[in-house]
Amino acid sequence: MSRSGYIDDYDYEGTGGLWRGAVTRAIKGKRGQALLRETLAALDAMPTKALAAESLVTADGEFCTLGSVGAVRGLDMLKLDPEDWNAVAKAFNVAPALVREIVYENDEAGEHLDGWHYIDVEVYGPVRPFYPEYGSHRHPRRVQYSEEEVAQRRWARMRAWVQSQITPTQAPSAAKKEGQP
């Protein structure tokens, strides 16, 4: 199991829809939106645009998405168990469902997080007309990203995800005008 607590068979007895509803309400709620706005500001303020995984803060001082907010708030994150969602949710004053979703997005979501990608390699000279070349001079090869590249890609992905979850706010005067004749 991961730090987020998500597992492959989360839809046991049809509860997956209920869980997704809890996540949606946590994201769209007042506290969730406030945390997401604060997260966006914290990510933009980071001097090094890179995020860690599997911990709120690493021994090297690198942060995950929630850890970046905790650092801005001045929280002592070494005292928090990153796998205790209720304690982390209480420290950040949000629902545990939102904490688990952010942790999942930070640690597990996205194809870039496994550290591998494919590149095309062009082979010069004669090639066999059968397996493995099939007469082609271009071959995909799997290569690994460096840890620094993965951390930078994680930052870019999380910033985009946080930005996509923030709902635009209406000015209070505009809301009154629309609601009243």
N, C-alpha and C. Protein backbone atom coordinates (compact mmCIF):
# COMPACT_ATOMS: atom_id res chain seq x y z
N MET A 1 0.84 -1.17 0.00
CA MET A 1 0.00 0.00 0.00
C MET A 1 0.89 1.24 0.00
N SER A 2 0.36 2.31 -0.50
CA SER A 2 1.13 3.53 -0.65
C SER A 2 0.86 4.50 0.49
N ARG A 3 1.54 5.62 0.45
CA ARG A 3 1.35 6.66 1.45
C ARG A 3 -0.06 7.23 1.37
N SER A 4 -0.68 7.22 0.20
CA SER A 4 -2.04 7.74 0.04
C SER A 4 -3.08 6.77 0.59
N GLY A 5 -2.72 5.50 0.69
CA GLY A 5 -3.67 4.50 1.14
C GLY A 5 -4.57 3.98 0.05
N TYR A 6 -4.40 4.48 -1.17
CA TYR A 6 -5.21 3.99 -2.28
C TYR A 6 -4.73 2.60 -2.68
N ILE A 7 -5.68 1.73 -2.99
CA ILE A 7 -5.36 0.38 -3.41
C ILE A 7 -6.14 0.08 -4.69
N ASP A 8 -5.78 -1.00 -5.36
CA ASP A 8 -6.40 -1.32 -6.63
C ASP A 8 -7.87 -1.69 -6.50
N ASP A 9 -8.27 -2.31 -5.41
CA ASP A 9 -9.66 -2.74 -5.26
C ASP A 9 -10.42 -1.81 -4.30
N TYR A 10 -10.25 -0.50 -4.48
CA TYR A 10 -10.90 0.45 -3.58
C TYR A 10 -12.42 0.44 -3.72
N ASP A 11 -12.94 -0.11 -4.78
CA ASP A 11 -14.38 -0.10 -5.01
C ASP A 11 -15.06 -1.32 -4.37
N TYR A 12 -14.54 -1.78 -3.26
CA TYR A 12 -15.11 -2.91 -2.55
C TYR A 12 -16.55 -2.59 -2.14
N GLU A 13 -17.48 -3.39 -2.55
CA GLU A 13 -18.90 -3.25 -2.25
C GLU A 13 -19.47 -1.91 -2.71
N GLY A 14 -18.94 -1.37 -3.80
CA GLY A 14 -19.52 -0.16 -4.38
C GLY A 14 -19.24 1.12 -3.63
N THR A 15 -18.22 1.16 -2.80
CA THR A 15 -17.93 2.37 -2.03
C THR A 15 -17.02 3.35 -2.78
N GLY A 16 -16.55 3.00 -3.96
CA GLY A 16 -15.66 3.88 -4.72
C GLY A 16 -16.33 5.19 -5.08
N GLY A 17 -17.60 5.13 -5.46
CA GLY A 17 -18.33 6.35 -5.79
C GLY A 17 -18.50 7.26 -4.59
N LEU A 18 -18.72 6.65 -3.43
CA LEU A 18 -18.84 7.45 -2.21
C LEU A 18 -17.51 8.15 -1.90
N TRP A 19 -16.41 7.42 -2.09
CA TRP A 19 -15.10 8.01 -1.83
C TRP A 19 -14.81 9.16 -2.78
N ARG A 20 -15.09 8.97 -4.07
CA ARG A 20 -14.85 10.04 -5.04
C ARG A 20 -15.71 11.26 -4.71
N GLY A 21 -16.91 11.03 -4.20
CA GLY A 21 -17.76 12.14 -3.78
C GLY A 21 -17.14 12.90 -2.61
N ALA A 22 -16.57 12.16 -1.67
CA ALA A 22 -15.91 12.81 -0.52
C ALA A 22 -14.72 13.63 -0.99
N VAL A 23 -13.97 13.11 -1.95
CA VAL A 23 -12.82 13.84 -2.48
C VAL A 23 -13.29 15.10 -3.19
N THR A 24 -14.32 14.99 -4.00
CA THR A 24 -14.84 16.15 -4.73
C THR A 24 -15.34 17.22 -3.77
N ARG A 25 -16.07 16.81 -2.73
CA ARG A 25 -16.56 17.79 -1.75
C ARG A 25 -15.40 18.45 -1.00
N ALA A 26 -14.38 17.67 -0.69
CA ALA A 26 -13.22 18.22 0.02
C ALA A 26 -12.47 19.23 -0.85
N ILE A 27 -12.37 18.94 -2.14
CA ILE A 27 -11.66 19.85 -3.05
C ILE A 27 -12.48 21.13 -3.26
N LYS A 28 -13.78 21.00 -3.43
CA LYS A 28 -14.62 22.16 -3.75
C LYS A 28 -15.04 22.96 -2.53
N GLY A 29 -14.82 22.42 -1.35
CA GLY A 29 -15.20 23.12 -0.12
C GLY A 29 -14.32 24.32 0.16
N LYS A 30 -14.75 25.13 1.12
CA LYS A 30 -14.05 26.37 1.46
C LYS A 30 -12.63 26.09 1.95
N ARG A 31 -12.47 25.12 2.86
CA ARG A 31 -11.12 24.81 3.37
C ARG A 31 -10.24 24.20 2.29
N GLY A 32 -10.82 23.36 1.46
CA GLY A 32 -10.05 22.76 0.38
C GLY A 32 -9.56 23.78 -0.63
N GLN A 33 -10.44 24.69 -1.02
CA GLN A 33 -10.06 25.74 -1.96
C GLN A 33 -8.99 26.66 -1.36
N ALA A 34 -9.13 26.95 -0.06
CA ALA A 34 -8.13 27.79 0.60
C ALA A 34 -6.77 27.10 0.59
N LEU A 35 -6.76 25.77 0.87
CA LEU A 35 -5.49 25.04 0.85
C LEU A 35 -4.91 24.99 -0.55
N LEU A 36 -5.75 24.79 -1.56
CA LEU A 36 -5.24 24.73 -2.93
C LEU A 36 -4.66 26.07 -3.37
N ARG A 37 -5.29 27.16 -2.99
CA ARG A 37 -4.74 28.48 -3.33
C ARG A 37 -3.40 28.71 -2.62
N GLU A 38 -3.35 28.29 -1.36
CA GLU A 38 -2.10 28.42 -0.60
C GLU A 38 -1.02 27.51 -1.19
N THR A 39 -1.42 26.34 -1.65
CA THR A 39 -0.48 25.41 -2.27
C THR A 39 0.10 25.98 -3.54
N LEU A 40 -0.74 26.58 -4.36
CA LEU A 40 -0.27 27.19 -5.60
C LEU A 40 0.75 28.29 -5.31
N ALA A 41 0.47 29.11 -4.32
CA ALA A 41 1.41 30.18 -3.94
C ALA A 41 2.72 29.59 -3.40
N ALA A 42 2.61 28.52 -2.61
CA ALA A 42 3.81 27.88 -2.05
C ALA A 42 4.66 27.24 -3.14
N LEU A 43 4.02 26.60 -4.11
CA LEU A 43 4.76 25.99 -5.21
C LEU A 43 5.47 27.04 -6.05
N ASP A 44 4.78 28.16 -6.30
CA ASP A 44 5.39 29.23 -7.09
C ASP A 44 6.54 29.90 -6.35
N ALA A 45 6.49 29.90 -5.02
CA ALA A 45 7.52 30.55 -4.22
C ALA A 45 8.75 29.67 -4.00
N MET A 46 8.68 28.41 -4.39
CA MET A 46 9.82 27.51 -4.16
C MET A 46 11.02 27.97 -5.00
N PRO A 47 12.20 28.09 -4.38
CA PRO A 47 13.38 28.50 -5.15
C PRO A 47 13.80 27.43 -6.16
N THR A 48 13.71 26.16 -5.76
CA THR A 48 14.00 25.05 -6.65
C THR A 48 12.68 24.38 -7.00
N LYS A 49 12.33 24.42 -8.26
CA LYS A 49 11.03 23.89 -8.69
C LYS A 49 11.11 22.38 -8.84
N ALA A 50 11.13 21.69 -7.68
CA ALA A 50 11.21 20.23 -7.65
C ALA A 50 10.50 19.74 -6.40
N LEU A 51 9.81 18.60 -6.51
CA LEU A 51 9.08 18.02 -5.39
C LEU A 51 9.57 16.61 -5.11
N ALA A 52 9.58 16.28 -3.84
CA ALA A 52 9.95 14.93 -3.39
C ALA A 52 8.70 14.06 -3.32
N ALA A 53 8.91 12.79 -3.13
CA ALA A 53 7.81 11.85 -2.96
C ALA A 53 8.02 11.06 -1.68
N GLU A 54 6.95 10.44 -1.23
CA GLU A 54 6.98 9.50 -0.10
C GLU A 54 7.26 10.13 1.26
N SER A 55 7.32 11.45 1.37
CA SER A 55 7.57 12.09 2.65
C SER A 55 7.16 13.55 2.56
N LEU A 56 6.75 14.13 3.69
CA LEU A 56 6.44 15.55 3.71
C LEU A 56 7.70 16.38 3.50
N VAL A 57 8.78 15.96 4.16
CA VAL A 57 10.07 16.62 4.00
C VAL A 57 11.15 15.54 4.10
N THR A 58 12.13 15.61 3.23
CA THR A 58 13.21 14.63 3.24
C THR A 58 14.34 15.10 4.15
N ALA A 59 15.30 14.25 4.36
CA ALA A 59 16.47 14.61 5.17
C ALA A 59 17.28 15.72 4.49
N ASP A 60 17.17 15.82 3.16
CA ASP A 60 17.89 16.86 2.41
C ASP A 60 17.13 18.18 2.37
N GLY A 61 15.94 18.23 2.98
CA GLY A 61 15.15 19.46 2.99
C GLY A 61 14.26 19.64 1.79
N GLU A 62 14.01 18.56 1.03
CA GLU A 62 13.10 18.63 -0.11
C GLU A 62 11.69 18.34 0.38
N PHE A 63 10.71 18.98 -0.25
CA PHE A 63 9.33 18.87 0.19
C PHE A 63 8.46 18.20 -0.86
N CYS A 64 7.38 17.56 -0.37
CA CYS A 64 6.32 17.13 -1.29
C CYS A 64 5.36 18.31 -1.43
N THR A 65 4.26 18.13 -2.11
CA THR A 65 3.32 19.23 -2.33
C THR A 65 2.79 19.77 -1.01
N LEU A 66 2.29 18.89 -0.16
CA LEU A 66 1.80 19.35 1.14
C LEU A 66 2.93 19.89 2.01
N GLY A 67 4.10 19.30 1.88
CA GLY A 67 5.25 19.76 2.65
C GLY A 67 5.63 21.18 2.32
N SER A 68 5.46 21.59 1.06
CA SER A 68 5.78 22.97 0.67
C SER A 68 4.86 23.95 1.38
N VAL A 69 3.59 23.57 1.55
CA VAL A 69 2.65 24.43 2.28
C VAL A 69 3.02 24.46 3.76
N GLY A 70 3.36 23.30 4.30
CA GLY A 70 3.77 23.24 5.71
C GLY A 70 4.99 24.09 5.98
N ALA A 71 5.92 24.12 5.05
CA ALA A 71 7.13 24.93 5.22
C ALA A 71 6.78 26.42 5.24
N VAL A 72 5.87 26.83 4.35
CA VAL A 72 5.45 28.24 4.34
C VAL A 72 4.73 28.58 5.64
N ARG A 73 3.93 27.65 6.16
CA ARG A 73 3.19 27.88 7.41
C ARG A 73 4.10 27.80 8.64
N GLY A 74 5.26 27.22 8.48
CA GLY A 74 6.17 27.07 9.61
C GLY A 74 5.87 25.86 10.48
N LEU A 75 5.20 24.86 9.92
CA LEU A 75 4.88 23.63 10.67
C LEU A 75 6.13 22.77 10.81
N ASP A 76 6.25 22.10 11.95
CA ASP A 76 7.32 21.13 12.14
C ASP A 76 6.85 19.80 11.58
N MET A 77 7.18 19.54 10.34
CA MET A 77 6.66 18.35 9.66
C MET A 77 7.40 17.08 10.03
N LEU A 78 8.55 17.20 10.70
CA LEU A 78 9.26 16.00 11.14
C LEU A 78 8.48 15.26 12.22
N LYS A 79 7.61 15.98 12.93
CA LYS A 79 6.78 15.36 13.96
C LYS A 79 5.57 14.64 13.38
N LEU A 80 5.21 14.96 12.14
CA LEU A 80 4.04 14.35 11.50
C LEU A 80 4.43 13.06 10.80
N ASP A 81 3.63 12.03 11.00
CA ASP A 81 3.80 10.78 10.25
C ASP A 81 3.13 10.97 8.90
N PRO A 82 3.88 10.93 7.78
CA PRO A 82 3.27 11.19 6.48
C PRO A 82 2.22 10.16 6.07
N GLU A 83 2.17 9.03 6.74
CA GLU A 83 1.17 8.02 6.40
C GLU A 83 -0.05 8.07 7.33
N ASP A 84 -0.06 8.98 8.30
CA ASP A 84 -1.21 9.16 9.18
C ASP A 84 -2.05 10.31 8.61
N TRP A 85 -3.00 9.96 7.74
CA TRP A 85 -3.76 10.96 7.00
C TRP A 85 -4.55 11.86 7.93
N ASN A 86 -5.10 11.27 9.01
CA ASN A 86 -5.91 12.08 9.92
C ASN A 86 -5.07 13.14 10.63
N ALA A 87 -3.86 12.78 11.04
CA ALA A 87 -2.99 13.75 11.70
C ALA A 87 -2.55 14.85 10.73
N VAL A 88 -2.21 14.46 9.50
CA VAL A 88 -1.81 15.44 8.49
C VAL A 88 -2.99 16.35 8.16
N ALA A 89 -4.19 15.77 8.02
CA ALA A 89 -5.38 16.56 7.73
C ALA A 89 -5.67 17.55 8.86
N LYS A 90 -5.49 17.11 10.08
CA LYS A 90 -5.71 17.99 11.23
C LYS A 90 -4.68 19.12 11.24
N ALA A 91 -3.43 18.81 10.93
CA ALA A 91 -2.38 19.83 10.92
C ALA A 91 -2.63 20.88 9.84
N PHE A 92 -3.21 20.46 8.71
CA PHE A 92 -3.47 21.38 7.60
C PHE A 92 -4.91 21.90 7.59
N ASN A 93 -5.73 21.44 8.54
CA ASN A 93 -7.13 21.86 8.69
C ASN A 93 -7.95 21.61 7.42
N VAL A 94 -7.83 20.40 6.89
CA VAL A 94 -8.63 19.98 5.74
C VAL A 94 -9.13 18.56 5.98
N ALA A 95 -9.97 18.08 5.09
CA ALA A 95 -10.51 16.73 5.18
C ALA A 95 -9.43 15.70 4.83
N PRO A 96 -9.43 14.55 5.51
CA PRO A 96 -8.47 13.50 5.16
C PRO A 96 -8.57 13.05 3.70
N ALA A 97 -9.76 13.12 3.11
CA ALA A 97 -9.91 12.73 1.71
C ALA A 97 -9.07 13.63 0.80
N LEU A 98 -8.98 14.91 1.12
CA LEU A 98 -8.17 15.83 0.31
C LEU A 98 -6.69 15.54 0.49
N VAL A 99 -6.28 15.25 1.71
CA VAL A 99 -4.87 14.91 1.96
C VAL A 99 -4.49 13.69 1.16
N ARG A 100 -5.32 12.66 1.20
CA ARG A 100 -5.00 11.42 0.48
C ARG A 100 -4.97 11.63 -1.02
N GLU A 101 -5.86 12.48 -1.55
CA GLU A 101 -5.87 12.75 -2.99
C GLU A 101 -4.62 13.51 -3.41
N ILE A 102 -4.22 14.51 -2.64
CA ILE A 102 -3.01 15.27 -2.98
C ILE A 102 -1.79 14.37 -2.90
N VAL A 103 -1.73 13.53 -1.88
CA VAL A 103 -0.60 12.61 -1.75
C VAL A 103 -0.57 11.63 -2.92
N TYR A 104 -1.73 11.12 -3.33
CA TYR A 104 -1.79 10.22 -4.48
C TYR A 104 -1.29 10.92 -5.73
N GLU A 105 -1.77 12.12 -5.98
CA GLU A 105 -1.34 12.87 -7.16
C GLU A 105 0.16 13.15 -7.12
N ASN A 106 0.69 13.45 -5.95
CA ASN A 106 2.11 13.75 -5.81
C ASN A 106 2.98 12.51 -5.99
N ASP A 107 2.59 11.41 -5.41
CA ASP A 107 3.46 10.23 -5.37
C ASP A 107 3.24 9.24 -6.50
N GLU A 108 2.00 9.07 -6.94
CA GLU A 108 1.70 7.93 -7.81
C GLU A 108 1.11 8.26 -9.17
N ALA A 109 0.39 9.33 -9.30
CA ALA A 109 -0.30 9.62 -10.56
C ALA A 109 0.70 10.13 -11.59
N GLY A 110 0.42 9.86 -12.82
CA GLY A 110 1.28 10.37 -13.90
C GLY A 110 2.32 9.36 -14.34
N GLU A 111 2.56 9.36 -15.65
CA GLU A 111 3.49 8.39 -16.23
C GLU A 111 4.93 8.75 -15.97
N HIS A 112 5.22 9.98 -15.63
CA HIS A 112 6.60 10.42 -15.45
C HIS A 112 7.18 9.96 -14.12
N LEU A 113 6.36 9.49 -13.21
CA LEU A 113 6.84 9.21 -11.87
C LEU A 113 7.61 7.90 -11.75
N ASP A 114 7.50 7.04 -12.75
CA ASP A 114 8.27 5.81 -12.66
C ASP A 114 9.71 6.02 -13.08
N GLY A 115 10.00 7.19 -13.64
CA GLY A 115 11.38 7.52 -13.98
C GLY A 115 11.84 7.03 -15.33
N TRP A 116 10.95 6.43 -16.12
CA TRP A 116 11.34 5.89 -17.42
C TRP A 116 10.60 6.60 -18.54
N HIS A 117 11.23 6.70 -19.68
CA HIS A 117 10.59 7.20 -20.88
C HIS A 117 11.24 6.54 -22.09
N TYR A 118 10.59 6.69 -23.23
CA TYR A 118 11.08 6.06 -24.45
C TYR A 118 11.67 7.10 -25.39
N ILE A 119 12.76 6.72 -26.02
CA ILE A 119 13.35 7.55 -27.07
C ILE A 119 13.53 6.67 -28.30
N ASP A 120 13.57 7.31 -29.46
CA ASP A 120 13.82 6.58 -30.70
C ASP A 120 15.31 6.62 -30.99
N VAL A 121 15.86 5.47 -31.27
CA VAL A 121 17.27 5.35 -31.62
C VAL A 121 17.33 4.95 -33.09
N GLU A 122 18.15 5.65 -33.84
CA GLU A 122 18.30 5.32 -35.25
C GLU A 122 19.56 4.48 -35.42
N VAL A 123 19.39 3.33 -36.07
CA VAL A 123 20.49 2.41 -36.30
C VAL A 123 21.00 2.62 -37.72
N TYR A 124 22.31 2.78 -37.85
CA TYR A 124 22.91 2.96 -39.17
C TYR A 124 23.49 1.64 -39.65
N GLY A 125 23.42 1.44 -40.93
CA GLY A 125 23.94 0.21 -41.50
C GLY A 125 22.83 -0.77 -41.81
N PRO A 126 23.18 -1.95 -42.24
CA PRO A 126 22.16 -2.94 -42.61
C PRO A 126 21.44 -3.47 -41.37
N VAL A 127 20.15 -3.73 -41.53
CA VAL A 127 19.35 -4.32 -40.44
C VAL A 127 18.67 -5.57 -40.96
N ARG A 128 18.35 -6.47 -40.05
CA ARG A 128 17.69 -7.71 -40.41
C ARG A 128 16.24 -7.45 -40.80
N PRO A 129 15.75 -8.17 -41.79
CA PRO A 129 14.35 -7.97 -42.20
C PRO A 129 13.36 -8.69 -41.27
N PHE A 130 13.84 -9.32 -40.22
CA PHE A 130 12.97 -10.06 -39.30
C PHE A 130 13.25 -9.59 -37.87
N TYR A 131 12.63 -10.23 -36.90
CA TYR A 131 12.75 -9.86 -35.49
C TYR A 131 14.21 -9.73 -35.08
N PRO A 132 14.62 -8.77 -34.31
CA PRO A 132 13.84 -7.71 -33.66
C PRO A 132 13.76 -6.42 -34.46
N GLU A 133 14.46 -6.29 -35.58
CA GLU A 133 14.46 -5.02 -36.30
C GLU A 133 13.32 -4.90 -37.31
N TYR A 134 12.93 -6.00 -37.94
CA TYR A 134 11.89 -6.00 -38.97
C TYR A 134 12.20 -5.01 -40.09
N GLY A 135 13.46 -4.81 -40.39
CA GLY A 135 13.86 -3.94 -41.48
C GLY A 135 13.81 -2.46 -41.17
N SER A 136 13.53 -2.09 -39.95
CA SER A 136 13.43 -0.68 -39.58
C SER A 136 14.75 -0.18 -39.00
N HIS A 137 15.09 1.05 -39.32
CA HIS A 137 16.29 1.66 -38.77
C HIS A 137 16.01 2.43 -37.47
N ARG A 138 14.75 2.59 -37.12
CA ARG A 138 14.38 3.31 -35.90
C ARG A 138 13.85 2.32 -34.89
N HIS A 139 14.34 2.43 -33.65
CA HIS A 139 13.94 1.51 -32.59
C HIS A 139 13.70 2.28 -31.31
N PRO A 140 12.56 2.04 -30.66
CA PRO A 140 12.34 2.69 -29.37
C PRO A 140 13.18 2.01 -28.29
N ARG A 141 13.77 2.82 -27.43
CA ARG A 141 14.55 2.31 -26.31
C ARG A 141 14.08 2.99 -25.04
N ARG A 142 13.99 2.23 -23.98
CA ARG A 142 13.54 2.74 -22.69
C ARG A 142 14.76 3.24 -21.92
N VAL A 143 14.71 4.50 -21.51
CA VAL A 143 15.80 5.09 -20.73
C VAL A 143 15.22 5.72 -19.47
N GLN A 144 16.07 5.90 -18.50
CA GLN A 144 15.60 6.40 -17.20
C GLN A 144 15.92 7.88 -17.05
N TYR A 145 14.92 8.64 -16.51
CA TYR A 145 15.15 10.02 -16.15
C TYR A 145 16.04 10.06 -14.91
N SER A 146 16.74 11.16 -14.72
CA SER A 146 17.48 11.33 -13.48
C SER A 146 16.48 11.69 -12.38
N GLU A 147 16.89 11.53 -11.12
CA GLU A 147 16.01 11.86 -10.01
C GLU A 147 15.64 13.34 -10.04
N GLU A 148 16.57 14.17 -10.45
CA GLU A 148 16.31 15.60 -10.54
C GLU A 148 15.23 15.90 -11.57
N GLU A 149 15.29 15.23 -12.73
CA GLU A 149 14.28 15.42 -13.76
C GLU A 149 12.90 14.96 -13.29
N VAL A 150 12.85 13.84 -12.58
CA VAL A 150 11.58 13.34 -12.06
C VAL A 150 10.99 14.33 -11.07
N ALA A 151 11.83 14.89 -10.20
CA ALA A 151 11.36 15.86 -9.21
C ALA A 151 10.85 17.13 -9.89
N GLN A 152 11.52 17.58 -10.93
CA GLN A 152 11.07 18.76 -11.65
C GLN A 152 9.77 18.50 -12.41
N ARG A 153 9.64 17.32 -12.99
CA ARG A 153 8.41 16.96 -13.68
C ARG A 153 7.26 16.83 -12.68
N ARG A 154 7.55 16.31 -11.50
CA ARG A 154 6.53 16.19 -10.46
C ARG A 154 6.04 17.59 -10.07
N TRP A 155 6.96 18.55 -9.93
CA TRP A 155 6.57 19.91 -9.58
C TRP A 155 5.65 20.50 -10.66
N ALA A 156 6.04 20.36 -11.92
CA ALA A 156 5.24 20.91 -13.01
C ALA A 156 3.86 20.25 -13.08
N ARG A 157 3.82 18.95 -12.88
CA ARG A 157 2.55 18.24 -12.92
C ARG A 157 1.66 18.64 -11.76
N MET A 158 2.22 18.74 -10.56
CA MET A 158 1.43 19.09 -9.39
C MET A 158 0.94 20.53 -9.47
N ARG A 159 1.76 21.42 -10.00
CA ARG A 159 1.32 22.81 -10.13
C ARG A 159 0.13 22.88 -11.09
N ALA A 160 0.22 22.16 -12.19
CA ALA A 160 -0.89 22.13 -13.15
C ALA A 160 -2.14 21.50 -12.53
N TRP A 161 -1.96 20.43 -11.76
CA TRP A 161 -3.10 19.77 -11.13
C TRP A 161 -3.77 20.69 -10.12
N VAL A 162 -2.98 21.33 -9.27
CA VAL A 162 -3.53 22.25 -8.27
C VAL A 162 -4.27 23.39 -8.97
N GLN A 163 -3.67 23.95 -10.00
CA GLN A 163 -4.30 25.04 -10.75
C GLN A 163 -5.64 24.59 -11.33
N SER A 164 -5.70 23.36 -11.83
CA SER A 164 -6.93 22.87 -12.44
C SER A 164 -8.04 22.62 -11.41
N GLN A 165 -7.68 22.43 -10.16
CA GLN A 165 -8.67 22.15 -9.12
C GLN A 165 -9.24 23.40 -8.47
N ILE A 166 -8.60 24.53 -8.68
CA ILE A 166 -9.07 25.77 -8.06
C ILE A 166 -10.23 26.31 -8.88
N THR A 167 -11.33 26.59 -8.18
CA THR A 167 -12.50 27.15 -8.85
C THR A 167 -12.42 28.67 -8.81
N PRO A 168 -12.79 29.32 -9.90
CA PRO A 168 -12.74 30.78 -9.89
C PRO A 168 -13.77 31.34 -8.91
N THR A 169 -13.40 32.41 -8.25
CA THR A 169 -14.30 33.03 -7.28
C THR A 169 -14.96 34.26 -7.90
N GLN A 170 -16.19 34.49 -7.49
CA GLN A 170 -16.89 35.68 -7.92
C GLN A 170 -16.73 36.76 -6.86
N ALA A 171 -16.69 37.98 -7.29
CA ALA A 171 -16.67 39.08 -6.33
C ALA A 171 -18.00 39.12 -5.60
N PRO A 172 -18.01 39.43 -4.29
CA PRO A 172 -19.27 39.44 -3.53
C PRO A 172 -20.31 40.38 -4.10
N SER A 173 -19.91 41.54 -4.62
CA SER A 173 -20.88 42.49 -5.18
C SER A 173 -21.52 41.93 -6.44
N ALA A 174 -20.77 41.21 -7.24
CA ALA A 174 -21.31 40.61 -8.47
C ALA A 174 -22.29 39.50 -8.13
N ALA A 175 -22.01 38.73 -7.08
CA ALA A 175 -22.91 37.66 -6.68
C ALA A 175 -24.23 38.24 -6.18
N LYS A 176 -24.19 39.36 -5.45
CA LYS A 176 -25.41 39.99 -4.98
C LYS A 176 -26.24 40.50 -6.15
N LYS A 177 -25.59 41.11 -7.13
CA LYS A 177 -26.31 41.66 -8.27
C LYS A 177 -27.00 40.57 -9.07
N GLU A 178 -26.32 39.41 -9.19
CA GLU A 178 -26.93 38.31 -9.96
C GLU A 178 -28.09 37.69 -9.22
N GLY A 179 -28.00 37.60 -7.90
CA GLY A 179 -29.03 36.94 -7.10
C GLY A 179 -30.24 37.81 -6.85
N GLN A 180 -30.09 39.12 -6.92
CA GLN A 180 -31.20 40.03 -6.64
C GLN A 180 -31.60 40.77 -7.91
N PRO A 181 -32.90 41.05 -8.02
CA PRO A 181 -33.34 41.79 -9.22
C PRO A 181 -32.94 43.24 -9.21
